[in-house]
Each structure stands twice: as C-alpha cells, then as structure tokens.
Amino acid sequence: MVDLAPLLAISPPPSFSLSSLPLAEGAEALVESATGWPGLGIVFVYSFLIAFVLPGPSEVVLVAPIDLGGPAWGNLAGIMLVSAVGKAAGSVFAFHLGQEVKQSGPIVRWLRRSRWNVLAWSEKRSVQLAKRYGYGGLAIALSVPFFPDTISIYAFAVLEEDYVKFAIATFLGSLGRLLVTIGLFSGAAAVL
C-alpha cells in the first residue's frame, strides 16, 4: 500500500485552511487512528462532516489503518467507497442548506456585501463549470486533491436544483479525488 502520510502533512496556506481548529485536528487524528469496522463508521462521519462544515483534507481517510481481514486493496476500496458515500450524503445536506439559503434574501444580500465577496467568487467559478460541464463540472472540481471543496459544494447547491444528479456528481467527484490522490502517490513512489 502507498504511504500517503508525507503528502497529507502538506497543508495549504493559512488563508485557505482552518485546520488549526481543534475540532478539525481532533477529527483528522480520529480518522488516522480508525481501525476495523467501527473505523469505517468514523470514515463515513468524517466524510459527511467534511462536505459542509469541517475544514481540512478529505484525503486523510486514505491513511486510516483499517483492516477488515481481507486484502489491502479491499480495505482501501472499502474506505474509498464509504468515504464517497459519506461525502455525497454530507453534500446533499449542504445542497439542502443551499436551497434554503436561496430562499433567504437577507443572507444572500449579506454574503454579497461581505468583505471577501465569497458568494460572487464561488458563483463565478461554479457558473463557469456548470455552463461548460454541468454536473460533470462539479464532479471534476471535486476530483482535485487537496483543494477545499466546500465552496464548490455550496456554490453548486445555490445554483442547481436536482438532488439526485447532485448526489451522483459529489459521489463520483469524491471517489475520483481519492483515486487521483492514490495515483499521484503511486507515481511519486515509483519515481523515488
């Protein structure tokens, strides 16, 4: 199995990450020590929460030392599938929140007037992806390792309306991100 710990130790600049929050650090540590079948439950909950509230890398699930008694690739496949389902479920929850925010004029006005204008930036990027690739654009955006995906999830949640397509796109994007991460580390390990 590829050792992903060195890559996961690389963190984005402080302006992009809130991983110094005790809750996020504790959640990551819990995932990194998760074992057995209960560990898959921890991976699911972490992935659910990372989709809409926890800052930090979703790729950390790949270093969970979960051993279910089968081959290493089976353990890794189980982790990846449980993580993708958890993240898709959390994304659907965020999607629901986004639908509610769309109906709330004061919140949208406040976000537009905010100092960083996060809504305008995320809408611009998400609209570009949505216009060009539709829900496939969301899946592509979520497949980029170590990029905070909560903004993409919420931006699409505000712009789109189909729960099923959203859930499928977030599942595929989350699974894609883990596969790309493994591919990057396997390639780096082969070079070294």
N, C-alpha and C. Protein backbone atom coordinates (compact mmCIF):
# COMPACT_ATOMS: atom_id res chain seq x y z
N MET A 1 0.84 -1.17 0.00
CA MET A 1 0.00 0.00 0.00
C MET A 1 0.89 1.24 0.00
N VAL A 2 0.47 2.28 -0.67
CA VAL A 2 1.23 3.51 -0.79
C VAL A 2 1.10 4.32 0.50
N ASP A 3 2.23 4.85 0.99
CA ASP A 3 2.22 5.66 2.21
C ASP A 3 1.88 7.10 1.83
N LEU A 4 0.69 7.56 2.22
CA LEU A 4 0.24 8.91 1.88
C LEU A 4 0.53 9.93 2.96
N ALA A 5 1.05 9.50 4.08
CA ALA A 5 1.26 10.40 5.22
C ALA A 5 2.11 11.63 4.86
N PRO A 6 3.23 11.50 4.12
CA PRO A 6 4.02 12.70 3.82
C PRO A 6 3.24 13.74 3.02
N LEU A 7 2.45 13.30 2.06
CA LEU A 7 1.68 14.25 1.26
C LEU A 7 0.58 14.90 2.09
N LEU A 8 -0.04 14.13 2.95
CA LEU A 8 -1.11 14.68 3.77
C LEU A 8 -0.58 15.67 4.79
N ALA A 9 0.71 15.60 5.08
CA ALA A 9 1.30 16.55 6.01
C ALA A 9 1.44 17.93 5.39
N ILE A 10 1.41 18.00 4.06
CA ILE A 10 1.50 19.28 3.38
C ILE A 10 0.15 19.96 3.51
N SER A 11 0.16 21.16 4.04
CA SER A 11 -1.11 21.86 4.20
C SER A 11 -1.12 23.11 3.34
N PRO A 12 -2.30 23.53 2.88
CA PRO A 12 -2.39 24.73 2.08
C PRO A 12 -2.08 25.96 2.93
N PRO A 13 -1.87 27.10 2.31
CA PRO A 13 -1.59 28.32 3.06
C PRO A 13 -2.70 28.60 4.07
N PRO A 14 -2.37 29.27 5.19
CA PRO A 14 -3.35 29.54 6.23
C PRO A 14 -4.61 30.22 5.72
N SER A 15 -4.51 31.03 4.68
CA SER A 15 -5.69 31.71 4.17
C SER A 15 -6.69 30.74 3.56
N PHE A 16 -6.25 29.53 3.21
CA PHE A 16 -7.13 28.55 2.61
C PHE A 16 -7.58 27.47 3.58
N SER A 17 -7.00 27.40 4.75
CA SER A 17 -7.29 26.30 5.64
C SER A 17 -7.62 26.78 7.05
N LEU A 18 -8.56 26.13 7.62
CA LEU A 18 -8.90 26.39 9.01
C LEU A 18 -8.55 25.18 9.84
N SER A 19 -7.62 24.35 9.35
CA SER A 19 -7.32 23.08 10.01
C SER A 19 -6.70 23.25 11.38
N SER A 20 -6.38 24.49 11.76
CA SER A 20 -5.84 24.70 13.11
C SER A 20 -6.94 24.66 14.16
N LEU A 21 -8.18 24.59 13.71
CA LEU A 21 -9.28 24.48 14.66
C LEU A 21 -9.18 23.16 15.40
N PRO A 22 -9.34 23.16 16.72
CA PRO A 22 -9.22 21.91 17.50
C PRO A 22 -10.16 20.81 17.02
N LEU A 23 -11.37 21.15 16.62
CA LEU A 23 -12.33 20.15 16.16
C LEU A 23 -11.81 19.45 14.91
N ALA A 24 -11.28 20.22 13.97
CA ALA A 24 -10.77 19.63 12.73
C ALA A 24 -9.56 18.75 13.02
N GLU A 25 -8.65 19.23 13.85
CA GLU A 25 -7.46 18.45 14.19
C GLU A 25 -7.86 17.15 14.90
N GLY A 26 -8.80 17.24 15.81
CA GLY A 26 -9.27 16.06 16.52
C GLY A 26 -9.93 15.06 15.59
N ALA A 27 -10.70 15.57 14.64
CA ALA A 27 -11.38 14.68 13.68
C ALA A 27 -10.36 13.98 12.79
N GLU A 28 -9.36 14.72 12.33
CA GLU A 28 -8.32 14.11 11.49
C GLU A 28 -7.55 13.05 12.28
N ALA A 29 -7.21 13.34 13.53
CA ALA A 29 -6.49 12.37 14.36
C ALA A 29 -7.33 11.12 14.58
N LEU A 30 -8.62 11.29 14.77
CA LEU A 30 -9.52 10.16 14.96
C LEU A 30 -9.54 9.28 13.71
N VAL A 31 -9.62 9.89 12.54
CA VAL A 31 -9.62 9.13 11.29
C VAL A 31 -8.28 8.41 11.11
N GLU A 32 -7.19 9.08 11.42
CA GLU A 32 -5.87 8.48 11.23
C GLU A 32 -5.62 7.30 12.17
N SER A 33 -6.45 7.17 13.20
CA SER A 33 -6.29 6.03 14.12
C SER A 33 -7.47 5.06 14.05
N ALA A 34 -8.39 5.28 13.11
CA ALA A 34 -9.58 4.44 12.98
C ALA A 34 -9.20 3.04 12.51
N THR A 35 -9.74 2.02 13.18
CA THR A 35 -9.44 0.64 12.81
C THR A 35 -10.73 -0.18 12.73
N GLY A 36 -10.65 -1.27 11.99
CA GLY A 36 -11.75 -2.22 11.91
C GLY A 36 -13.03 -1.65 11.36
N TRP A 37 -14.11 -2.40 11.56
CA TRP A 37 -15.42 -1.98 11.08
C TRP A 37 -15.89 -0.67 11.71
N PRO A 38 -15.66 -0.45 13.01
CA PRO A 38 -16.04 0.86 13.57
C PRO A 38 -15.28 2.01 12.90
N GLY A 39 -14.09 1.71 12.43
CA GLY A 39 -13.30 2.71 11.71
C GLY A 39 -13.98 3.19 10.45
N LEU A 40 -14.69 2.27 9.77
CA LEU A 40 -15.44 2.68 8.58
C LEU A 40 -16.55 3.66 8.95
N GLY A 41 -17.15 3.47 10.12
CA GLY A 41 -18.15 4.41 10.61
C GLY A 41 -17.54 5.79 10.84
N ILE A 42 -16.33 5.80 11.38
CA ILE A 42 -15.61 7.06 11.61
C ILE A 42 -15.30 7.73 10.27
N VAL A 43 -14.87 6.95 9.29
CA VAL A 43 -14.59 7.48 7.95
C VAL A 43 -15.86 8.09 7.36
N PHE A 44 -16.99 7.40 7.51
CA PHE A 44 -18.26 7.91 6.98
C PHE A 44 -18.62 9.24 7.63
N VAL A 45 -18.57 9.30 8.96
CA VAL A 45 -18.95 10.52 9.68
C VAL A 45 -18.00 11.67 9.32
N TYR A 46 -16.71 11.39 9.29
CA TYR A 46 -15.74 12.42 8.91
C TYR A 46 -16.02 12.95 7.51
N SER A 47 -16.25 12.04 6.57
CA SER A 47 -16.51 12.43 5.19
C SER A 47 -17.82 13.22 5.08
N PHE A 48 -18.82 12.82 5.84
CA PHE A 48 -20.09 13.55 5.87
C PHE A 48 -19.85 14.98 6.35
N LEU A 49 -19.12 15.12 7.45
CA LEU A 49 -18.89 16.44 8.03
C LEU A 49 -17.95 17.31 7.19
N ILE A 50 -16.99 16.70 6.52
CA ILE A 50 -16.03 17.47 5.72
C ILE A 50 -16.74 18.12 4.54
N ALA A 51 -17.85 17.57 4.11
CA ALA A 51 -18.56 18.11 2.95
C ALA A 51 -19.18 19.47 3.23
N PHE A 52 -19.53 19.74 4.48
CA PHE A 52 -20.22 21.01 4.70
C PHE A 52 -19.78 21.80 5.92
N VAL A 53 -18.97 21.24 6.81
CA VAL A 53 -18.65 22.02 8.00
C VAL A 53 -17.18 21.94 8.43
N LEU A 54 -16.55 20.80 8.32
CA LEU A 54 -15.17 20.66 8.79
C LEU A 54 -14.17 21.14 7.74
N PRO A 55 -13.22 21.94 8.15
CA PRO A 55 -12.13 22.28 7.23
C PRO A 55 -11.11 21.15 7.24
N GLY A 56 -10.33 21.07 6.23
CA GLY A 56 -9.29 20.06 6.21
C GLY A 56 -9.40 19.15 5.00
N PRO A 57 -8.42 18.29 4.83
CA PRO A 57 -8.38 17.43 3.65
C PRO A 57 -9.26 16.18 3.81
N SER A 58 -10.04 15.90 2.79
CA SER A 58 -10.83 14.68 2.83
C SER A 58 -9.95 13.46 2.54
N GLU A 59 -8.78 13.70 1.95
CA GLU A 59 -7.88 12.61 1.59
C GLU A 59 -7.28 11.90 2.80
N VAL A 60 -7.41 12.48 3.98
CA VAL A 60 -6.85 11.88 5.19
C VAL A 60 -7.43 10.48 5.44
N VAL A 61 -8.60 10.19 4.90
CA VAL A 61 -9.20 8.87 5.10
C VAL A 61 -8.32 7.77 4.51
N LEU A 62 -7.49 8.11 3.54
CA LEU A 62 -6.65 7.10 2.89
C LEU A 62 -5.56 6.56 3.81
N VAL A 63 -5.25 7.27 4.89
CA VAL A 63 -4.23 6.78 5.82
C VAL A 63 -4.83 6.07 7.03
N ALA A 64 -6.14 5.92 7.06
CA ALA A 64 -6.78 5.19 8.17
C ALA A 64 -6.29 3.74 8.14
N PRO A 65 -5.81 3.23 9.28
CA PRO A 65 -5.26 1.87 9.31
C PRO A 65 -6.35 0.80 9.45
N ILE A 66 -7.34 0.87 8.63
CA ILE A 66 -8.47 -0.05 8.72
C ILE A 66 -8.10 -1.39 8.11
N ASP A 67 -8.27 -2.43 8.90
CA ASP A 67 -8.01 -3.79 8.44
C ASP A 67 -9.28 -4.60 8.68
N LEU A 68 -9.93 -4.99 7.59
CA LEU A 68 -11.17 -5.74 7.69
C LEU A 68 -10.95 -7.24 7.47
N GLY A 69 -9.70 -7.64 7.46
CA GLY A 69 -9.39 -9.06 7.33
C GLY A 69 -9.19 -9.53 5.91
N GLY A 70 -9.37 -8.65 4.95
CA GLY A 70 -9.18 -9.03 3.55
C GLY A 70 -7.87 -8.49 3.01
N PRO A 71 -7.76 -8.51 1.69
CA PRO A 71 -6.54 -7.96 1.08
C PRO A 71 -6.47 -6.44 1.27
N ALA A 72 -5.27 -5.89 1.18
CA ALA A 72 -5.06 -4.45 1.36
C ALA A 72 -5.89 -3.63 0.38
N TRP A 73 -5.97 -4.09 -0.88
CA TRP A 73 -6.75 -3.34 -1.87
C TRP A 73 -8.24 -3.35 -1.50
N GLY A 74 -8.71 -4.42 -0.88
CA GLY A 74 -10.11 -4.48 -0.44
C GLY A 74 -10.39 -3.50 0.69
N ASN A 75 -9.44 -3.41 1.62
CA ASN A 75 -9.59 -2.44 2.71
C ASN A 75 -9.63 -1.02 2.15
N LEU A 76 -8.71 -0.73 1.22
CA LEU A 76 -8.64 0.60 0.63
C LEU A 76 -9.91 0.90 -0.18
N ALA A 77 -10.39 -0.07 -0.93
CA ALA A 77 -11.62 0.13 -1.71
C ALA A 77 -12.80 0.40 -0.78
N GLY A 78 -12.86 -0.33 0.34
CA GLY A 78 -13.93 -0.10 1.31
C GLY A 78 -13.88 1.29 1.89
N ILE A 79 -12.68 1.73 2.25
CA ILE A 79 -12.51 3.09 2.79
C ILE A 79 -12.98 4.12 1.77
N MET A 80 -12.55 3.93 0.52
CA MET A 80 -12.89 4.90 -0.53
C MET A 80 -14.39 4.95 -0.80
N LEU A 81 -15.03 3.79 -0.85
CA LEU A 81 -16.47 3.77 -1.10
C LEU A 81 -17.26 4.37 0.05
N VAL A 82 -16.89 4.02 1.28
CA VAL A 82 -17.58 4.57 2.46
C VAL A 82 -17.36 6.08 2.52
N SER A 83 -16.16 6.53 2.24
CA SER A 83 -15.87 7.96 2.25
C SER A 83 -16.69 8.69 1.18
N ALA A 84 -16.75 8.14 -0.02
CA ALA A 84 -17.50 8.79 -1.11
C ALA A 84 -18.99 8.85 -0.78
N VAL A 85 -19.53 7.78 -0.19
CA VAL A 85 -20.95 7.79 0.20
C VAL A 85 -21.18 8.83 1.30
N GLY A 86 -20.28 8.87 2.29
CA GLY A 86 -20.41 9.85 3.37
C GLY A 86 -20.34 11.27 2.86
N LYS A 87 -19.40 11.52 1.96
CA LYS A 87 -19.25 12.87 1.42
C LYS A 87 -20.44 13.25 0.54
N ALA A 88 -20.96 12.29 -0.21
CA ALA A 88 -22.15 12.57 -1.02
C ALA A 88 -23.34 12.88 -0.12
N ALA A 89 -23.49 12.13 0.97
CA ALA A 89 -24.59 12.40 1.91
C ALA A 89 -24.43 13.78 2.56
N GLY A 90 -23.21 14.12 2.97
CA GLY A 90 -22.96 15.44 3.53
C GLY A 90 -23.19 16.54 2.51
N SER A 91 -22.85 16.27 1.27
CA SER A 91 -23.06 17.25 0.20
C SER A 91 -24.54 17.47 -0.06
N VAL A 92 -25.32 16.40 0.01
CA VAL A 92 -26.77 16.54 -0.17
C VAL A 92 -27.35 17.38 0.97
N PHE A 93 -26.82 17.19 2.18
CA PHE A 93 -27.24 18.04 3.31
C PHE A 93 -26.89 19.49 3.02
N ALA A 94 -25.66 19.73 2.54
CA ALA A 94 -25.25 21.09 2.18
C ALA A 94 -26.11 21.62 1.04
N PHE A 95 -26.47 20.74 0.11
CA PHE A 95 -27.34 21.12 -1.00
C PHE A 95 -28.68 21.62 -0.47
N HIS A 96 -29.21 20.89 0.50
CA HIS A 96 -30.48 21.30 1.11
C HIS A 96 -30.33 22.67 1.78
N LEU A 97 -29.22 22.86 2.50
CA LEU A 97 -28.97 24.16 3.13
C LEU A 97 -28.88 25.26 2.07
N GLY A 98 -28.22 24.96 0.96
CA GLY A 98 -28.11 25.92 -0.14
C GLY A 98 -29.46 26.28 -0.72
N GLN A 99 -30.33 25.29 -0.83
CA GLN A 99 -31.69 25.57 -1.33
C GLN A 99 -32.43 26.51 -0.38
N GLU A 100 -32.22 26.30 0.92
CA GLU A 100 -32.87 27.16 1.92
C GLU A 100 -32.29 28.58 1.86
N VAL A 101 -30.96 28.69 1.69
CA VAL A 101 -30.32 29.99 1.62
C VAL A 101 -30.81 30.76 0.40
N LYS A 102 -31.03 30.04 -0.71
CA LYS A 102 -31.54 30.69 -1.92
C LYS A 102 -32.84 31.43 -1.64
N GLN A 103 -33.62 30.89 -0.74
CA GLN A 103 -34.91 31.48 -0.42
C GLN A 103 -34.78 32.61 0.59
N SER A 104 -33.60 32.76 1.17
CA SER A 104 -33.38 33.75 2.21
C SER A 104 -32.65 34.96 1.65
N GLY A 105 -33.39 35.96 1.23
CA GLY A 105 -32.84 37.18 0.68
C GLY A 105 -31.82 37.86 1.57
N PRO A 106 -32.09 38.03 2.88
CA PRO A 106 -31.12 38.74 3.74
C PRO A 106 -29.76 38.05 3.81
N ILE A 107 -29.73 36.71 3.83
CA ILE A 107 -28.45 36.00 3.89
C ILE A 107 -27.66 36.21 2.61
N VAL A 108 -28.32 36.08 1.47
CA VAL A 108 -27.65 36.27 0.18
C VAL A 108 -27.14 37.71 0.06
N ARG A 109 -27.95 38.69 0.47
CA ARG A 109 -27.50 40.10 0.42
C ARG A 109 -26.29 40.31 1.32
N TRP A 110 -26.30 39.72 2.52
CA TRP A 110 -25.17 39.86 3.43
C TRP A 110 -23.91 39.24 2.84
N LEU A 111 -24.04 38.05 2.22
CA LEU A 111 -22.88 37.40 1.61
C LEU A 111 -22.32 38.25 0.47
N ARG A 112 -23.19 38.85 -0.32
CA ARG A 112 -22.73 39.68 -1.45
C ARG A 112 -21.99 40.93 -0.96
N ARG A 113 -22.39 41.47 0.19
CA ARG A 113 -21.75 42.68 0.72
C ARG A 113 -20.56 42.37 1.61
N SER A 114 -20.31 41.08 1.88
CA SER A 114 -19.22 40.72 2.79
C SER A 114 -17.88 41.18 2.23
N ARG A 115 -16.93 41.32 3.09
CA ARG A 115 -15.61 41.83 2.75
C ARG A 115 -14.92 41.03 1.64
N TRP A 116 -15.06 39.73 1.67
CA TRP A 116 -14.37 38.88 0.71
C TRP A 116 -15.23 38.51 -0.49
N ASN A 117 -16.51 38.80 -0.45
CA ASN A 117 -17.44 38.50 -1.52
C ASN A 117 -17.30 37.05 -2.01
N VAL A 118 -17.31 36.15 -1.04
CA VAL A 118 -17.16 34.72 -1.31
C VAL A 118 -18.23 34.24 -2.28
N LEU A 119 -19.43 34.71 -2.12
CA LEU A 119 -20.53 34.26 -2.97
C LEU A 119 -20.27 34.60 -4.44
N ALA A 120 -19.83 35.80 -4.71
CA ALA A 120 -19.57 36.20 -6.09
C ALA A 120 -18.45 35.36 -6.70
N TRP A 121 -17.36 35.15 -5.93
CA TRP A 121 -16.25 34.37 -6.44
C TRP A 121 -16.68 32.94 -6.73
N SER A 122 -17.34 32.31 -5.76
CA SER A 122 -17.73 30.91 -5.94
C SER A 122 -18.80 30.77 -7.02
N GLU A 123 -19.71 31.73 -7.09
CA GLU A 123 -20.72 31.67 -8.15
C GLU A 123 -20.05 31.78 -9.52
N LYS A 124 -19.09 32.69 -9.64
CA LYS A 124 -18.42 32.88 -10.93
C LYS A 124 -17.75 31.59 -11.38
N ARG A 125 -16.96 31.00 -10.49
CA ARG A 125 -16.25 29.76 -10.83
C ARG A 125 -17.24 28.62 -11.09
N SER A 126 -18.23 28.51 -10.25
CA SER A 126 -19.20 27.42 -10.39
C SER A 126 -20.06 27.59 -11.63
N VAL A 127 -20.43 28.83 -11.93
CA VAL A 127 -21.22 29.07 -13.13
C VAL A 127 -20.41 28.69 -14.36
N GLN A 128 -19.11 29.02 -14.35
CA GLN A 128 -18.25 28.64 -15.47
C GLN A 128 -18.23 27.12 -15.65
N LEU A 129 -18.04 26.40 -14.54
CA LEU A 129 -18.02 24.93 -14.62
C LEU A 129 -19.39 24.39 -15.01
N ALA A 130 -20.45 24.94 -14.41
CA ALA A 130 -21.80 24.45 -14.69
C ALA A 130 -22.19 24.67 -16.14
N LYS A 131 -21.86 25.85 -16.67
CA LYS A 131 -22.21 26.14 -18.06
C LYS A 131 -21.45 25.24 -19.02
N ARG A 132 -20.21 24.99 -18.69
CA ARG A 132 -19.39 24.22 -19.61
C ARG A 132 -19.62 22.71 -19.48
N TYR A 133 -19.73 22.23 -18.21
CA TYR A 133 -19.77 20.79 -17.99
C TYR A 133 -20.98 20.29 -17.21
N GLY A 134 -21.84 21.18 -16.72
CA GLY A 134 -22.99 20.75 -15.93
C GLY A 134 -22.57 20.08 -14.64
N TYR A 135 -23.29 19.05 -14.27
CA TYR A 135 -22.94 18.34 -13.03
C TYR A 135 -21.61 17.63 -13.16
N GLY A 136 -21.19 17.34 -14.37
CA GLY A 136 -19.87 16.78 -14.58
C GLY A 136 -18.78 17.76 -14.13
N GLY A 137 -19.06 19.06 -14.26
CA GLY A 137 -18.13 20.08 -13.79
C GLY A 137 -17.94 20.02 -12.29
N LEU A 138 -19.02 19.75 -11.57
CA LEU A 138 -18.91 19.59 -10.12
C LEU A 138 -18.05 18.38 -9.79
N ALA A 139 -18.30 17.27 -10.48
CA ALA A 139 -17.51 16.06 -10.24
C ALA A 139 -16.04 16.31 -10.54
N ILE A 140 -15.76 17.05 -11.61
CA ILE A 140 -14.37 17.37 -11.96
C ILE A 140 -13.74 18.24 -10.88
N ALA A 141 -14.47 19.28 -10.44
CA ALA A 141 -13.95 20.18 -9.40
C ALA A 141 -13.65 19.43 -8.11
N LEU A 142 -14.51 18.48 -7.77
CA LEU A 142 -14.32 17.72 -6.53
C LEU A 142 -13.22 16.67 -6.66
N SER A 143 -12.77 16.40 -7.86
CA SER A 143 -11.72 15.40 -8.08
C SER A 143 -10.32 15.96 -7.89
N VAL A 144 -10.21 17.26 -7.64
CA VAL A 144 -8.89 17.89 -7.49
C VAL A 144 -8.43 17.69 -6.05
N PRO A 145 -7.36 16.90 -5.85
CA PRO A 145 -6.88 16.64 -4.49
C PRO A 145 -6.41 17.90 -3.78
N PHE A 146 -6.66 17.94 -2.49
CA PHE A 146 -6.18 18.98 -1.58
C PHE A 146 -6.73 20.37 -1.88
N PHE A 147 -7.76 20.48 -2.69
CA PHE A 147 -8.42 21.75 -2.93
C PHE A 147 -9.67 21.77 -2.08
N PRO A 148 -9.90 22.85 -1.32
CA PRO A 148 -11.10 22.88 -0.48
C PRO A 148 -12.36 22.79 -1.35
N ASP A 149 -13.15 21.78 -1.12
CA ASP A 149 -14.30 21.58 -1.99
C ASP A 149 -15.61 22.09 -1.40
N THR A 150 -15.60 22.57 -0.19
CA THR A 150 -16.83 23.06 0.42
C THR A 150 -17.41 24.22 -0.37
N ILE A 151 -16.56 25.10 -0.88
CA ILE A 151 -17.03 26.24 -1.67
C ILE A 151 -17.76 25.75 -2.91
N SER A 152 -17.16 24.78 -3.62
CA SER A 152 -17.80 24.24 -4.82
C SER A 152 -19.14 23.61 -4.48
N ILE A 153 -19.18 22.87 -3.39
CA ILE A 153 -20.42 22.20 -2.99
C ILE A 153 -21.51 23.23 -2.72
N TYR A 154 -21.20 24.24 -1.92
CA TYR A 154 -22.21 25.25 -1.61
C TYR A 154 -22.58 26.09 -2.82
N ALA A 155 -21.61 26.42 -3.67
CA ALA A 155 -21.92 27.21 -4.86
C ALA A 155 -22.87 26.45 -5.78
N PHE A 156 -22.58 25.19 -6.01
CA PHE A 156 -23.48 24.39 -6.84
C PHE A 156 -24.82 24.21 -6.15
N ALA A 157 -24.81 24.11 -4.84
CA ALA A 157 -26.06 23.94 -4.10
C ALA A 157 -26.97 25.13 -4.29
N VAL A 158 -26.39 26.32 -4.38
CA VAL A 158 -27.20 27.52 -4.57
C VAL A 158 -27.66 27.64 -6.01
N LEU A 159 -26.84 27.15 -6.95
CA LEU A 159 -27.14 27.33 -8.37
C LEU A 159 -28.02 26.22 -8.96
N GLU A 160 -27.94 25.03 -8.44
CA GLU A 160 -28.62 23.90 -9.04
C GLU A 160 -29.81 23.45 -8.21
N GLU A 161 -30.60 22.52 -8.76
CA GLU A 161 -31.82 22.11 -8.06
C GLU A 161 -32.08 20.61 -8.03
N ASP A 162 -31.30 19.81 -8.71
CA ASP A 162 -31.57 18.38 -8.81
C ASP A 162 -30.77 17.60 -7.77
N TYR A 163 -31.45 17.12 -6.73
CA TYR A 163 -30.79 16.40 -5.64
C TYR A 163 -30.09 15.14 -6.12
N VAL A 164 -30.72 14.37 -6.97
CA VAL A 164 -30.15 13.09 -7.41
C VAL A 164 -28.88 13.31 -8.23
N LYS A 165 -28.93 14.22 -9.21
CA LYS A 165 -27.74 14.50 -10.02
C LYS A 165 -26.62 15.07 -9.15
N PHE A 166 -27.00 15.91 -8.18
CA PHE A 166 -26.01 16.49 -7.27
C PHE A 166 -25.34 15.38 -6.46
N ALA A 167 -26.14 14.46 -5.93
CA ALA A 167 -25.59 13.36 -5.12
C ALA A 167 -24.66 12.48 -5.96
N ILE A 168 -25.05 12.18 -7.17
CA ILE A 168 -24.22 11.35 -8.05
C ILE A 168 -22.92 12.07 -8.38
N ALA A 169 -23.00 13.36 -8.70
CA ALA A 169 -21.80 14.12 -9.04
C ALA A 169 -20.85 14.21 -7.85
N THR A 170 -21.37 14.42 -6.65
CA THR A 170 -20.49 14.52 -5.48
C THR A 170 -19.89 13.16 -5.13
N PHE A 171 -20.65 12.08 -5.32
CA PHE A 171 -20.11 10.74 -5.08
C PHE A 171 -18.96 10.47 -6.05
N LEU A 172 -19.19 10.71 -7.34
CA LEU A 172 -18.16 10.44 -8.34
C LEU A 172 -16.95 11.36 -8.15
N GLY A 173 -17.19 12.63 -7.83
CA GLY A 173 -16.09 13.55 -7.59
C GLY A 173 -15.27 13.17 -6.37
N SER A 174 -15.94 12.75 -5.32
CA SER A 174 -15.23 12.34 -4.10
C SER A 174 -14.41 11.08 -4.33
N LEU A 175 -15.00 10.12 -5.01
CA LEU A 175 -14.27 8.89 -5.34
C LEU A 175 -13.11 9.21 -6.29
N GLY A 176 -13.38 10.08 -7.26
CA GLY A 176 -12.33 10.49 -8.19
C GLY A 176 -11.16 11.15 -7.49
N ARG A 177 -11.45 11.99 -6.49
CA ARG A 177 -10.39 12.67 -5.74
C ARG A 177 -9.48 11.65 -5.05
N LEU A 178 -10.07 10.64 -4.46
CA LEU A 178 -9.28 9.62 -3.77
C LEU A 178 -8.46 8.80 -4.76
N LEU A 179 -9.04 8.49 -5.91
CA LEU A 179 -8.30 7.74 -6.94
C LEU A 179 -7.14 8.57 -7.50
N VAL A 180 -7.38 9.85 -7.74
CA VAL A 180 -6.32 10.73 -8.24
C VAL A 180 -5.20 10.83 -7.20
N THR A 181 -5.57 10.97 -5.93
CA THR A 181 -4.58 11.06 -4.86
C THR A 181 -3.72 9.80 -4.81
N ILE A 182 -4.36 8.65 -4.88
CA ILE A 182 -3.61 7.39 -4.88
C ILE A 182 -2.71 7.32 -6.12
N GLY A 183 -3.23 7.74 -7.26
CA GLY A 183 -2.43 7.75 -8.48
C GLY A 183 -1.21 8.65 -8.36
N LEU A 184 -1.40 9.82 -7.76
CA LEU A 184 -0.27 10.75 -7.57
C LEU A 184 0.80 10.14 -6.68
N PHE A 185 0.36 9.52 -5.58
CA PHE A 185 1.32 8.94 -4.65
C PHE A 185 1.97 7.68 -5.20
N SER A 186 1.22 6.90 -5.96
CA SER A 186 1.81 5.71 -6.57
C SER A 186 2.86 6.12 -7.58
N GLY A 187 2.56 7.17 -8.37
CA GLY A 187 3.53 7.67 -9.34
C GLY A 187 4.76 8.25 -8.67
N ALA A 188 4.55 9.00 -7.58
CA ALA A 188 5.68 9.58 -6.84
C ALA A 188 6.53 8.48 -6.21
N ALA A 189 5.87 7.45 -5.68
CA ALA A 189 6.60 6.34 -5.06
C ALA A 189 7.42 5.58 -6.10
N ALA A 190 6.87 5.44 -7.31
CA ALA A 190 7.59 4.73 -8.37
C ALA A 190 8.82 5.50 -8.82
N VAL A 191 8.72 6.83 -8.80
CA VAL A 191 9.85 7.67 -9.20
C VAL A 191 10.96 7.62 -8.17
N LEU A 192 10.55 7.58 -6.89
CA LEU A 192 11.55 7.54 -5.81
C LEU A 192 12.15 6.17 -5.76
